[in-house]
Amino acid sequence: MNYIWAGMLLIGIIFSIINNRPDVFTEALMQSCTDAIYFMIGLSGIIAVWCGLMNIAKDSGLIDKIALKAMPAMKFLFPHEKDKDTIAMMLMSFTANVFGAGNSATVFSLKAMERLDKENGGSTDASDAMCMFMAVSMSMIQLVPITIIKIRNDLGSQNPGSIIIPAIVAGLISMAVSIAVCKYYEALERRRKKCR
């Protein structure tokens, strides 16, 4: 990623020199830095509220109730996962993603991945559970994409909520494909182990 950013900056500098307009490059760079700070401050409010709600849900036992209801789906996705705290972290991440607070989900995703890594013995190869968790997290359906709606609203969209139906459809398709691909490779790996 560092190389990509460095390359983009270098290209911008080179083009500004070729076109004899270094002032335009400097102004654009400073403006984008300012815009990034405003953007991050705006998102931090959503992240703080969502993290607070998730902690309340965890402390009140709501996450445990959701875990019981979601257990059939979790057993299908993670058949070998037994640790309740790991499942709770994954559920909090999925819940945040479902309600479109993807930035808030990152906190829970990192904690869940740390626990899965510990269960995997810190191996350099990811476990099936780690791969499935990553695939589902990245392709999770969003019922209400809060972050996108906020960004669209901040940028002056006439109807910021019009993204909801396309987001649900795209999320369903991408999540189904991601799960199917993971399950296919899990089955393929099991067959390879049996053949050895």
N, C-alpha and C. Protein backbone atom coordinates (compact mmCIF):
# COMPACT_ATOMS: atom_id res chain seq x y z
N MET A 1 0.82 -1.19 0.00
CA MET A 1 0.00 0.00 0.00
C MET A 1 0.87 1.26 0.00
N ASN A 2 1.96 1.20 0.76
CA ASN A 2 2.88 2.35 0.79
C ASN A 2 3.41 2.68 -0.59
N TYR A 3 3.70 1.62 -1.37
CA TYR A 3 4.22 1.83 -2.72
C TYR A 3 3.17 2.48 -3.62
N ILE A 4 1.91 2.08 -3.43
CA ILE A 4 0.83 2.65 -4.24
C ILE A 4 0.70 4.15 -3.97
N TRP A 5 0.66 4.52 -2.64
CA TRP A 5 0.54 5.94 -2.29
C TRP A 5 1.75 6.74 -2.78
N ALA A 6 2.93 6.16 -2.59
CA ALA A 6 4.15 6.85 -3.05
C ALA A 6 4.12 7.04 -4.56
N GLY A 7 3.66 6.00 -5.27
CA GLY A 7 3.57 6.09 -6.74
C GLY A 7 2.58 7.16 -7.18
N MET A 8 1.43 7.23 -6.50
CA MET A 8 0.43 8.24 -6.85
C MET A 8 0.97 9.65 -6.62
N LEU A 9 1.66 9.85 -5.49
CA LEU A 9 2.25 11.16 -5.20
C LEU A 9 3.30 11.52 -6.25
N LEU A 10 4.14 10.56 -6.58
CA LEU A 10 5.19 10.81 -7.58
C LEU A 10 4.60 11.18 -8.93
N ILE A 11 3.56 10.46 -9.36
CA ILE A 11 2.91 10.75 -10.64
C ILE A 11 2.34 12.17 -10.62
N GLY A 12 1.69 12.53 -9.50
CA GLY A 12 1.15 13.88 -9.36
C GLY A 12 2.22 14.95 -9.45
N ILE A 13 3.35 14.71 -8.79
CA ILE A 13 4.46 15.68 -8.81
C ILE A 13 5.03 15.81 -10.23
N ILE A 14 5.22 14.65 -10.88
CA ILE A 14 5.79 14.66 -12.23
C ILE A 14 4.87 15.42 -13.20
N PHE A 15 3.57 15.14 -13.16
CA PHE A 15 2.63 15.82 -14.06
C PHE A 15 2.54 17.31 -13.76
N SER A 16 2.63 17.68 -12.46
CA SER A 16 2.59 19.12 -12.14
C SER A 16 3.83 19.83 -12.67
N ILE A 17 4.98 19.15 -12.66
CA ILE A 17 6.22 19.76 -13.18
C ILE A 17 6.16 19.83 -14.71
N ILE A 18 5.69 18.74 -15.35
CA ILE A 18 5.59 18.71 -16.82
C ILE A 18 4.67 19.83 -17.31
N ASN A 19 3.55 20.02 -16.62
CA ASN A 19 2.57 21.04 -17.02
C ASN A 19 2.90 22.42 -16.44
N ASN A 20 4.03 22.50 -15.73
CA ASN A 20 4.47 23.76 -15.14
C ASN A 20 3.40 24.36 -14.20
N ARG A 21 2.75 23.48 -13.41
CA ARG A 21 1.72 23.92 -12.47
C ARG A 21 1.91 23.28 -11.09
N PRO A 22 3.09 23.45 -10.45
CA PRO A 22 3.27 22.85 -9.13
C PRO A 22 2.33 23.44 -8.07
N ASP A 23 1.85 24.67 -8.33
CA ASP A 23 0.93 25.32 -7.37
C ASP A 23 -0.40 24.56 -7.30
N VAL A 24 -0.88 24.04 -8.44
CA VAL A 24 -2.14 23.29 -8.47
C VAL A 24 -2.00 22.00 -7.66
N PHE A 25 -0.85 21.33 -7.84
CA PHE A 25 -0.61 20.10 -7.10
C PHE A 25 -0.58 20.37 -5.59
N THR A 26 0.13 21.41 -5.19
CA THR A 26 0.23 21.76 -3.77
C THR A 26 -1.13 22.10 -3.18
N GLU A 27 -1.92 22.90 -3.89
CA GLU A 27 -3.26 23.26 -3.42
C GLU A 27 -4.15 22.03 -3.28
N ALA A 28 -4.10 21.15 -4.28
CA ALA A 28 -4.93 19.93 -4.24
C ALA A 28 -4.52 19.02 -3.10
N LEU A 29 -3.21 18.93 -2.86
CA LEU A 29 -2.70 18.09 -1.77
C LEU A 29 -3.16 18.62 -0.42
N MET A 30 -3.03 19.92 -0.21
CA MET A 30 -3.46 20.53 1.06
C MET A 30 -4.97 20.42 1.26
N GLN A 31 -5.74 20.62 0.17
CA GLN A 31 -7.20 20.53 0.27
C GLN A 31 -7.64 19.10 0.61
N SER A 32 -6.99 18.12 -0.01
CA SER A 32 -7.37 16.73 0.28
C SER A 32 -7.01 16.34 1.70
N CYS A 33 -5.92 16.89 2.23
CA CYS A 33 -5.57 16.63 3.64
C CYS A 33 -6.64 17.20 4.57
N THR A 34 -7.10 18.41 4.28
CA THR A 34 -8.16 19.03 5.08
C THR A 34 -9.45 18.23 4.98
N ASP A 35 -9.82 17.83 3.75
CA ASP A 35 -11.04 17.04 3.55
C ASP A 35 -10.97 15.71 4.30
N ALA A 36 -9.80 15.09 4.31
CA ALA A 36 -9.63 13.81 5.01
C ALA A 36 -9.88 13.96 6.50
N ILE A 37 -9.39 15.05 7.10
CA ILE A 37 -9.60 15.28 8.53
C ILE A 37 -11.08 15.46 8.83
N TYR A 38 -11.79 16.28 8.04
CA TYR A 38 -13.24 16.47 8.24
C TYR A 38 -13.99 15.15 8.09
N PHE A 39 -13.57 14.37 7.10
CA PHE A 39 -14.20 13.07 6.85
C PHE A 39 -14.04 12.14 8.06
N MET A 40 -12.81 12.07 8.60
CA MET A 40 -12.53 11.19 9.74
C MET A 40 -13.27 11.66 11.00
N ILE A 41 -13.35 12.96 11.21
CA ILE A 41 -14.09 13.48 12.38
C ILE A 41 -15.56 13.11 12.26
N GLY A 42 -16.12 13.23 11.04
CA GLY A 42 -17.52 12.87 10.83
C GLY A 42 -17.79 11.40 11.10
N LEU A 43 -16.88 10.53 10.65
CA LEU A 43 -17.06 9.10 10.85
C LEU A 43 -16.82 8.67 12.30
N SER A 44 -15.96 9.39 13.01
CA SER A 44 -15.63 8.98 14.38
C SER A 44 -16.87 8.99 15.28
N GLY A 45 -17.82 9.90 15.02
CA GLY A 45 -19.05 9.93 15.80
C GLY A 45 -19.85 8.65 15.62
N ILE A 46 -19.99 8.19 14.36
CA ILE A 46 -20.72 6.95 14.09
C ILE A 46 -20.02 5.77 14.75
N ILE A 47 -18.69 5.73 14.64
CA ILE A 47 -17.93 4.62 15.22
C ILE A 47 -18.10 4.59 16.74
N ALA A 48 -18.00 5.75 17.38
CA ALA A 48 -18.13 5.81 18.84
C ALA A 48 -19.50 5.35 19.30
N VAL A 49 -20.56 5.81 18.61
CA VAL A 49 -21.93 5.40 18.99
C VAL A 49 -22.10 3.90 18.81
N TRP A 50 -21.63 3.38 17.69
CA TRP A 50 -21.81 1.95 17.42
C TRP A 50 -21.03 1.09 18.41
N CYS A 51 -19.79 1.46 18.71
CA CYS A 51 -19.00 0.69 19.69
C CYS A 51 -19.68 0.72 21.06
N GLY A 52 -20.22 1.87 21.44
CA GLY A 52 -20.94 1.98 22.71
C GLY A 52 -22.15 1.08 22.74
N LEU A 53 -22.94 1.08 21.66
CA LEU A 53 -24.13 0.22 21.57
C LEU A 53 -23.75 -1.26 21.65
N MET A 54 -22.67 -1.63 20.97
CA MET A 54 -22.25 -3.03 21.00
C MET A 54 -21.77 -3.45 22.39
N ASN A 55 -21.08 -2.55 23.09
CA ASN A 55 -20.65 -2.88 24.46
C ASN A 55 -21.84 -3.01 25.40
N ILE A 56 -22.85 -2.15 25.23
CA ILE A 56 -24.07 -2.27 26.03
C ILE A 56 -24.76 -3.60 25.72
N ALA A 57 -24.84 -3.94 24.43
CA ALA A 57 -25.48 -5.20 24.03
C ALA A 57 -24.74 -6.40 24.61
N LYS A 58 -23.42 -6.31 24.64
CA LYS A 58 -22.62 -7.42 25.19
C LYS A 58 -22.83 -7.53 26.70
N ASP A 59 -22.75 -6.40 27.41
CA ASP A 59 -22.89 -6.41 28.88
C ASP A 59 -24.30 -6.78 29.32
N SER A 60 -25.31 -6.44 28.53
CA SER A 60 -26.70 -6.72 28.91
C SER A 60 -27.12 -8.16 28.58
N GLY A 61 -26.28 -8.87 27.84
CA GLY A 61 -26.61 -10.25 27.49
C GLY A 61 -27.31 -10.39 26.15
N LEU A 62 -27.53 -9.26 25.47
CA LEU A 62 -28.22 -9.30 24.17
C LEU A 62 -27.41 -10.08 23.14
N ILE A 63 -26.09 -9.91 23.18
CA ILE A 63 -25.23 -10.63 22.23
C ILE A 63 -25.36 -12.14 22.44
N ASP A 64 -25.46 -12.58 23.71
CA ASP A 64 -25.63 -14.01 23.99
C ASP A 64 -26.94 -14.53 23.41
N LYS A 65 -28.00 -13.71 23.51
CA LYS A 65 -29.30 -14.10 22.94
C LYS A 65 -29.22 -14.17 21.42
N ILE A 66 -28.55 -13.19 20.82
CA ILE A 66 -28.37 -13.20 19.36
C ILE A 66 -27.54 -14.42 18.96
N ALA A 67 -26.53 -14.73 19.77
CA ALA A 67 -25.67 -15.88 19.49
C ALA A 67 -26.47 -17.18 19.47
N LEU A 68 -27.41 -17.31 20.42
CA LEU A 68 -28.26 -18.52 20.46
C LEU A 68 -29.11 -18.62 19.19
N LYS A 69 -29.69 -17.50 18.77
CA LYS A 69 -30.52 -17.50 17.56
C LYS A 69 -29.70 -17.75 16.30
N ALA A 70 -28.47 -17.22 16.31
CA ALA A 70 -27.61 -17.34 15.12
C ALA A 70 -26.76 -18.61 15.11
N MET A 71 -26.89 -19.43 16.17
CA MET A 71 -26.02 -20.60 16.29
C MET A 71 -26.09 -21.56 15.10
N PRO A 72 -27.28 -21.85 14.53
CA PRO A 72 -27.29 -22.75 13.36
C PRO A 72 -26.44 -22.22 12.21
N ALA A 73 -26.55 -20.90 11.94
CA ALA A 73 -25.76 -20.31 10.86
C ALA A 73 -24.27 -20.32 11.21
N MET A 74 -23.95 -20.03 12.49
CA MET A 74 -22.54 -20.03 12.92
C MET A 74 -21.95 -21.44 12.86
N LYS A 75 -22.76 -22.46 13.19
CA LYS A 75 -22.29 -23.86 13.12
C LYS A 75 -22.00 -24.25 11.68
N PHE A 76 -22.83 -23.74 10.76
CA PHE A 76 -22.60 -24.03 9.34
C PHE A 76 -21.32 -23.37 8.85
N LEU A 77 -21.15 -22.10 9.24
CA LEU A 77 -19.97 -21.35 8.78
C LEU A 77 -18.70 -21.79 9.48
N PHE A 78 -18.80 -22.03 10.79
CA PHE A 78 -17.62 -22.37 11.62
C PHE A 78 -17.89 -23.66 12.40
N PRO A 79 -17.90 -24.81 11.71
CA PRO A 79 -18.30 -26.06 12.37
C PRO A 79 -17.39 -26.50 13.53
N HIS A 80 -16.13 -26.06 13.53
CA HIS A 80 -15.20 -26.51 14.57
C HIS A 80 -14.98 -25.47 15.67
N GLU A 81 -15.66 -24.33 15.59
CA GLU A 81 -15.46 -23.26 16.58
C GLU A 81 -16.29 -23.54 17.83
N LYS A 82 -15.60 -23.61 18.97
CA LYS A 82 -16.28 -23.91 20.25
C LYS A 82 -16.22 -22.75 21.24
N ASP A 83 -15.27 -21.84 21.08
CA ASP A 83 -15.07 -20.78 22.06
C ASP A 83 -16.19 -19.73 21.97
N LYS A 84 -16.92 -19.54 23.07
CA LYS A 84 -18.06 -18.62 23.09
C LYS A 84 -17.63 -17.17 22.88
N ASP A 85 -16.49 -16.78 23.45
CA ASP A 85 -16.03 -15.40 23.31
C ASP A 85 -15.63 -15.08 21.87
N THR A 86 -15.04 -16.05 21.20
CA THR A 86 -14.67 -15.85 19.79
C THR A 86 -15.93 -15.70 18.95
N ILE A 87 -16.91 -16.57 19.20
CA ILE A 87 -18.18 -16.49 18.47
C ILE A 87 -18.86 -15.15 18.74
N ALA A 88 -18.81 -14.67 20.01
CA ALA A 88 -19.42 -13.38 20.36
C ALA A 88 -18.75 -12.24 19.60
N MET A 89 -17.42 -12.26 19.52
CA MET A 89 -16.69 -11.21 18.78
C MET A 89 -17.07 -11.24 17.30
N MET A 90 -17.17 -12.45 16.73
CA MET A 90 -17.54 -12.56 15.33
C MET A 90 -18.96 -12.04 15.11
N LEU A 91 -19.86 -12.38 16.03
CA LEU A 91 -21.25 -11.91 15.92
C LEU A 91 -21.34 -10.39 16.02
N MET A 92 -20.56 -9.78 16.92
CA MET A 92 -20.58 -8.32 17.04
C MET A 92 -20.07 -7.67 15.75
N SER A 93 -19.05 -8.29 15.16
CA SER A 93 -18.52 -7.79 13.89
C SER A 93 -19.57 -7.90 12.80
N PHE A 94 -20.23 -9.08 12.71
CA PHE A 94 -21.25 -9.29 11.69
C PHE A 94 -22.42 -8.33 11.89
N THR A 95 -22.83 -8.13 13.15
CA THR A 95 -23.96 -7.23 13.44
C THR A 95 -23.64 -5.81 12.99
N ALA A 96 -22.44 -5.33 13.32
CA ALA A 96 -22.04 -3.98 12.90
C ALA A 96 -22.03 -3.88 11.38
N ASN A 97 -21.55 -4.93 10.71
CA ASN A 97 -21.54 -4.93 9.25
C ASN A 97 -22.95 -4.92 8.68
N VAL A 98 -23.85 -5.72 9.26
CA VAL A 98 -25.23 -5.81 8.78
C VAL A 98 -25.91 -4.44 8.82
N PHE A 99 -25.61 -3.66 9.87
CA PHE A 99 -26.22 -2.35 9.99
C PHE A 99 -25.39 -1.25 9.33
N GLY A 100 -24.39 -1.67 8.54
CA GLY A 100 -23.66 -0.72 7.72
C GLY A 100 -22.58 0.07 8.42
N ALA A 101 -22.28 -0.29 9.67
CA ALA A 101 -21.23 0.44 10.41
C ALA A 101 -19.92 -0.33 10.27
N GLY A 102 -19.45 -0.45 9.03
CA GLY A 102 -18.26 -1.26 8.74
C GLY A 102 -17.02 -0.82 9.49
N ASN A 103 -16.86 0.51 9.70
CA ASN A 103 -15.69 0.99 10.43
C ASN A 103 -15.72 0.52 11.88
N SER A 104 -16.90 0.47 12.48
CA SER A 104 -17.03 -0.02 13.85
C SER A 104 -16.78 -1.53 13.89
N ALA A 105 -17.18 -2.23 12.85
CA ALA A 105 -16.99 -3.67 12.80
C ALA A 105 -15.52 -4.04 12.81
N THR A 106 -14.67 -3.15 12.33
CA THR A 106 -13.23 -3.43 12.27
C THR A 106 -12.66 -3.76 13.64
N VAL A 107 -13.10 -3.03 14.66
CA VAL A 107 -12.60 -3.26 16.03
C VAL A 107 -12.90 -4.69 16.45
N PHE A 108 -14.15 -5.13 16.24
CA PHE A 108 -14.55 -6.48 16.65
C PHE A 108 -13.91 -7.54 15.75
N SER A 109 -13.75 -7.22 14.47
CA SER A 109 -13.12 -8.15 13.54
C SER A 109 -11.68 -8.43 13.94
N LEU A 110 -10.95 -7.38 14.33
CA LEU A 110 -9.56 -7.56 14.74
C LEU A 110 -9.46 -8.42 15.99
N LYS A 111 -10.37 -8.18 16.95
CA LYS A 111 -10.36 -8.99 18.18
C LYS A 111 -10.70 -10.44 17.87
N ALA A 112 -11.69 -10.64 17.01
CA ALA A 112 -12.07 -12.01 16.63
C ALA A 112 -10.93 -12.71 15.91
N MET A 113 -10.26 -11.98 15.01
CA MET A 113 -9.15 -12.58 14.26
C MET A 113 -7.98 -12.91 15.18
N GLU A 114 -7.73 -12.07 16.19
CA GLU A 114 -6.67 -12.37 17.17
C GLU A 114 -6.98 -13.68 17.90
N ARG A 115 -8.23 -13.87 18.29
CA ARG A 115 -8.63 -15.08 19.00
C ARG A 115 -8.52 -16.30 18.08
N LEU A 116 -8.94 -16.14 16.82
CA LEU A 116 -8.83 -17.25 15.87
C LEU A 116 -7.38 -17.60 15.59
N ASP A 117 -6.52 -16.58 15.54
CA ASP A 117 -5.08 -16.82 15.33
C ASP A 117 -4.48 -17.58 16.50
N LYS A 118 -4.91 -17.22 17.71
CA LYS A 118 -4.41 -17.92 18.90
C LYS A 118 -4.85 -19.38 18.86
N GLU A 119 -6.09 -19.62 18.46
CA GLU A 119 -6.60 -20.99 18.35
C GLU A 119 -5.86 -21.76 17.26
N ASN A 120 -5.38 -21.05 16.26
CA ASN A 120 -4.64 -21.66 15.15
C ASN A 120 -3.17 -21.86 15.49
N GLY A 121 -2.79 -21.51 16.72
CA GLY A 121 -1.40 -21.69 17.16
C GLY A 121 -0.43 -20.71 16.55
N GLY A 122 -0.93 -19.57 16.06
CA GLY A 122 -0.06 -18.56 15.46
C GLY A 122 0.61 -19.04 14.18
N SER A 123 0.00 -20.03 13.52
CA SER A 123 0.56 -20.58 12.28
C SER A 123 0.60 -19.52 11.18
N THR A 124 1.54 -19.69 10.25
CA THR A 124 1.62 -18.76 9.12
C THR A 124 0.52 -19.05 8.10
N ASP A 125 -0.09 -20.25 8.18
CA ASP A 125 -1.22 -20.60 7.32
C ASP A 125 -2.53 -20.30 8.05
N ALA A 126 -3.43 -19.62 7.38
CA ALA A 126 -4.72 -19.31 7.99
C ALA A 126 -5.58 -20.57 8.09
N SER A 127 -6.33 -20.67 9.17
CA SER A 127 -7.25 -21.81 9.35
C SER A 127 -8.49 -21.59 8.50
N ASP A 128 -9.29 -22.67 8.37
CA ASP A 128 -10.56 -22.55 7.63
C ASP A 128 -11.44 -21.49 8.26
N ALA A 129 -11.48 -21.45 9.61
CA ALA A 129 -12.32 -20.48 10.32
C ALA A 129 -11.86 -19.05 10.02
N MET A 130 -10.55 -18.83 9.98
CA MET A 130 -10.02 -17.50 9.68
C MET A 130 -10.39 -17.07 8.26
N CYS A 131 -10.26 -17.98 7.32
CA CYS A 131 -10.59 -17.67 5.92
C CYS A 131 -12.08 -17.37 5.77
N MET A 132 -12.91 -18.21 6.42
CA MET A 132 -14.36 -18.00 6.33
C MET A 132 -14.76 -16.68 6.98
N PHE A 133 -14.17 -16.40 8.14
CA PHE A 133 -14.50 -15.16 8.84
C PHE A 133 -14.12 -13.95 7.98
N MET A 134 -12.96 -13.99 7.38
CA MET A 134 -12.53 -12.88 6.52
C MET A 134 -13.45 -12.73 5.31
N ALA A 135 -13.79 -13.85 4.69
CA ALA A 135 -14.64 -13.80 3.50
C ALA A 135 -16.04 -13.26 3.83
N VAL A 136 -16.62 -13.74 4.93
CA VAL A 136 -17.97 -13.29 5.31
C VAL A 136 -17.93 -11.82 5.74
N SER A 137 -16.90 -11.44 6.49
CA SER A 137 -16.79 -10.04 6.95
C SER A 137 -16.68 -9.07 5.78
N MET A 138 -15.89 -9.45 4.79
CA MET A 138 -15.67 -8.56 3.66
C MET A 138 -16.87 -8.48 2.71
N SER A 139 -17.72 -9.51 2.74
CA SER A 139 -18.84 -9.53 1.79
C SER A 139 -20.20 -9.43 2.48
N MET A 140 -20.19 -9.10 3.77
CA MET A 140 -21.42 -9.11 4.58
C MET A 140 -22.50 -8.21 4.00
N ILE A 141 -23.72 -8.73 4.01
CA ILE A 141 -24.88 -7.95 3.58
C ILE A 141 -25.07 -6.76 4.51
N GLN A 142 -25.47 -5.64 3.96
CA GLN A 142 -25.74 -4.44 4.77
C GLN A 142 -27.20 -4.06 4.59
N LEU A 143 -27.98 -4.18 5.67
CA LEU A 143 -29.39 -3.79 5.61
C LEU A 143 -29.54 -2.28 5.52
N VAL A 144 -28.74 -1.58 6.32
CA VAL A 144 -28.76 -0.11 6.30
C VAL A 144 -27.31 0.37 6.26
N PRO A 145 -26.78 0.70 5.09
CA PRO A 145 -25.38 1.13 5.01
C PRO A 145 -25.20 2.55 5.56
N ILE A 146 -25.14 2.64 6.89
CA ILE A 146 -25.11 3.93 7.58
C ILE A 146 -23.97 4.82 7.08
N THR A 147 -22.78 4.25 6.99
CA THR A 147 -21.60 5.04 6.61
C THR A 147 -21.77 5.63 5.21
N ILE A 148 -22.23 4.80 4.26
CA ILE A 148 -22.41 5.26 2.88
C ILE A 148 -23.50 6.33 2.82
N ILE A 149 -24.59 6.12 3.56
CA ILE A 149 -25.67 7.10 3.58
C ILE A 149 -25.17 8.43 4.12
N LYS A 150 -24.35 8.37 5.19
CA LYS A 150 -23.80 9.60 5.77
C LYS A 150 -22.89 10.32 4.77
N ILE A 151 -22.03 9.56 4.10
CA ILE A 151 -21.13 10.17 3.12
C ILE A 151 -21.94 10.81 1.98
N ARG A 152 -22.94 10.08 1.50
CA ARG A 152 -23.78 10.63 0.41
C ARG A 152 -24.51 11.88 0.87
N ASN A 153 -24.99 11.86 2.11
CA ASN A 153 -25.68 13.03 2.66
C ASN A 153 -24.74 14.23 2.77
N ASP A 154 -23.51 13.97 3.28
CA ASP A 154 -22.52 15.04 3.44
C ASP A 154 -22.12 15.65 2.09
N LEU A 155 -22.15 14.83 1.05
CA LEU A 155 -21.76 15.30 -0.28
C LEU A 155 -22.94 15.89 -1.06
N GLY A 156 -24.11 16.01 -0.40
CA GLY A 156 -25.24 16.70 -1.00
C GLY A 156 -26.14 15.85 -1.88
N SER A 157 -26.17 14.54 -1.66
CA SER A 157 -27.04 13.68 -2.45
C SER A 157 -28.51 14.04 -2.20
N GLN A 158 -29.32 14.04 -3.26
CA GLN A 158 -30.74 14.35 -3.15
C GLN A 158 -31.49 13.25 -2.40
N ASN A 159 -31.04 12.00 -2.57
CA ASN A 159 -31.69 10.85 -1.93
C ASN A 159 -30.62 9.89 -1.42
N PRO A 160 -29.99 10.20 -0.28
CA PRO A 160 -28.89 9.36 0.19
C PRO A 160 -29.29 7.92 0.51
N GLY A 161 -30.57 7.69 0.81
CA GLY A 161 -31.04 6.34 1.15
C GLY A 161 -31.32 5.45 -0.05
N SER A 162 -31.19 5.98 -1.26
CA SER A 162 -31.49 5.18 -2.45
C SER A 162 -30.50 4.03 -2.65
N ILE A 163 -29.44 4.04 -1.89
CA ILE A 163 -28.41 3.00 -1.99
C ILE A 163 -28.82 1.71 -1.26
N ILE A 164 -29.87 1.77 -0.43
CA ILE A 164 -30.20 0.65 0.46
C ILE A 164 -30.52 -0.63 -0.31
N ILE A 165 -31.48 -0.60 -1.26
CA ILE A 165 -31.88 -1.82 -2.00
C ILE A 165 -30.71 -2.38 -2.81
N PRO A 166 -29.99 -1.57 -3.60
CA PRO A 166 -28.83 -2.12 -4.33
C PRO A 166 -27.78 -2.71 -3.39
N ALA A 167 -27.59 -2.10 -2.20
CA ALA A 167 -26.60 -2.61 -1.25
C ALA A 167 -27.02 -3.98 -0.72
N ILE A 168 -28.31 -4.15 -0.45
CA ILE A 168 -28.81 -5.45 0.05
C ILE A 168 -28.63 -6.53 -1.02
N VAL A 169 -29.01 -6.22 -2.26
CA VAL A 169 -28.89 -7.20 -3.35
C VAL A 169 -27.43 -7.58 -3.59
N ALA A 170 -26.56 -6.56 -3.68
CA ALA A 170 -25.13 -6.82 -3.90
C ALA A 170 -24.54 -7.61 -2.74
N GLY A 171 -24.95 -7.26 -1.51
CA GLY A 171 -24.45 -7.97 -0.32
C GLY A 171 -24.86 -9.42 -0.31
N LEU A 172 -26.12 -9.70 -0.65
CA LEU A 172 -26.59 -11.09 -0.68
C LEU A 172 -25.81 -11.92 -1.69
N ILE A 173 -25.62 -11.36 -2.88
CA ILE A 173 -24.90 -12.09 -3.93
C ILE A 173 -23.45 -12.32 -3.53
N SER A 174 -22.77 -11.26 -3.08
CA SER A 174 -21.34 -11.40 -2.75
C SER A 174 -21.14 -12.33 -1.55
N MET A 175 -22.06 -12.26 -0.56
CA MET A 175 -21.91 -13.12 0.61
C MET A 175 -22.13 -14.59 0.22
N ALA A 176 -23.14 -14.86 -0.60
CA ALA A 176 -23.40 -16.24 -1.03
C ALA A 176 -22.22 -16.81 -1.81
N VAL A 177 -21.66 -16.00 -2.71
CA VAL A 177 -20.52 -16.46 -3.51
C VAL A 177 -19.30 -16.69 -2.61
N SER A 178 -19.04 -15.79 -1.67
CA SER A 178 -17.88 -15.92 -0.77
C SER A 178 -17.98 -17.19 0.07
N ILE A 179 -19.17 -17.45 0.63
CA ILE A 179 -19.37 -18.64 1.45
C ILE A 179 -19.19 -19.90 0.60
N ALA A 180 -19.77 -19.90 -0.60
CA ALA A 180 -19.67 -21.06 -1.48
C ALA A 180 -18.21 -21.35 -1.85
N VAL A 181 -17.44 -20.32 -2.14
CA VAL A 181 -16.03 -20.50 -2.50
C VAL A 181 -15.25 -21.07 -1.31
N CYS A 182 -15.48 -20.52 -0.11
CA CYS A 182 -14.78 -21.02 1.09
C CYS A 182 -15.14 -22.47 1.36
N LYS A 183 -16.43 -22.81 1.27
CA LYS A 183 -16.87 -24.19 1.52
C LYS A 183 -16.28 -25.15 0.49
N TYR A 184 -16.18 -24.69 -0.76
CA TYR A 184 -15.60 -25.52 -1.81
C TYR A 184 -14.14 -25.84 -1.49
N TYR A 185 -13.37 -24.81 -1.10
CA TYR A 185 -11.96 -25.06 -0.81
C TYR A 185 -11.75 -25.83 0.49
N GLU A 186 -12.66 -25.68 1.45
CA GLU A 186 -12.59 -26.50 2.67
C GLU A 186 -12.78 -27.97 2.32
N ALA A 187 -13.78 -28.25 1.46
CA ALA A 187 -14.04 -29.64 1.05
C ALA A 187 -12.87 -30.19 0.24
N LEU A 188 -12.30 -29.35 -0.61
CA LEU A 188 -11.14 -29.76 -1.41
C LEU A 188 -9.96 -30.13 -0.52
N GLU A 189 -9.73 -29.32 0.52
CA GLU A 189 -8.62 -29.58 1.45
C GLU A 189 -8.85 -30.86 2.25
N ARG A 190 -10.11 -31.11 2.65
CA ARG A 190 -10.43 -32.35 3.37
C ARG A 190 -10.16 -33.57 2.51
N ARG A 191 -10.54 -33.49 1.22
CA ARG A 191 -10.29 -34.60 0.29
C ARG A 191 -8.80 -34.86 0.11
N ARG A 192 -8.02 -33.76 0.03
CA ARG A 192 -6.57 -33.91 -0.12
C ARG A 192 -5.96 -34.61 1.09
N LYS A 193 -6.46 -34.23 2.30
CA LYS A 193 -5.93 -34.84 3.52
C LYS A 193 -6.28 -36.33 3.59
N LYS A 194 -7.47 -36.70 3.10
CA LYS A 194 -7.87 -38.10 3.10
C LYS A 194 -7.02 -38.92 2.15
N CYS A 195 -6.61 -38.30 1.03
CA CYS A 195 -5.82 -39.01 0.01
C CYS A 195 -4.39 -39.24 0.45
N ARG A 196 -3.89 -38.46 1.43
CA ARG A 196 -2.49 -38.58 1.86
C ARG A 196 -2.27 -39.85 2.65
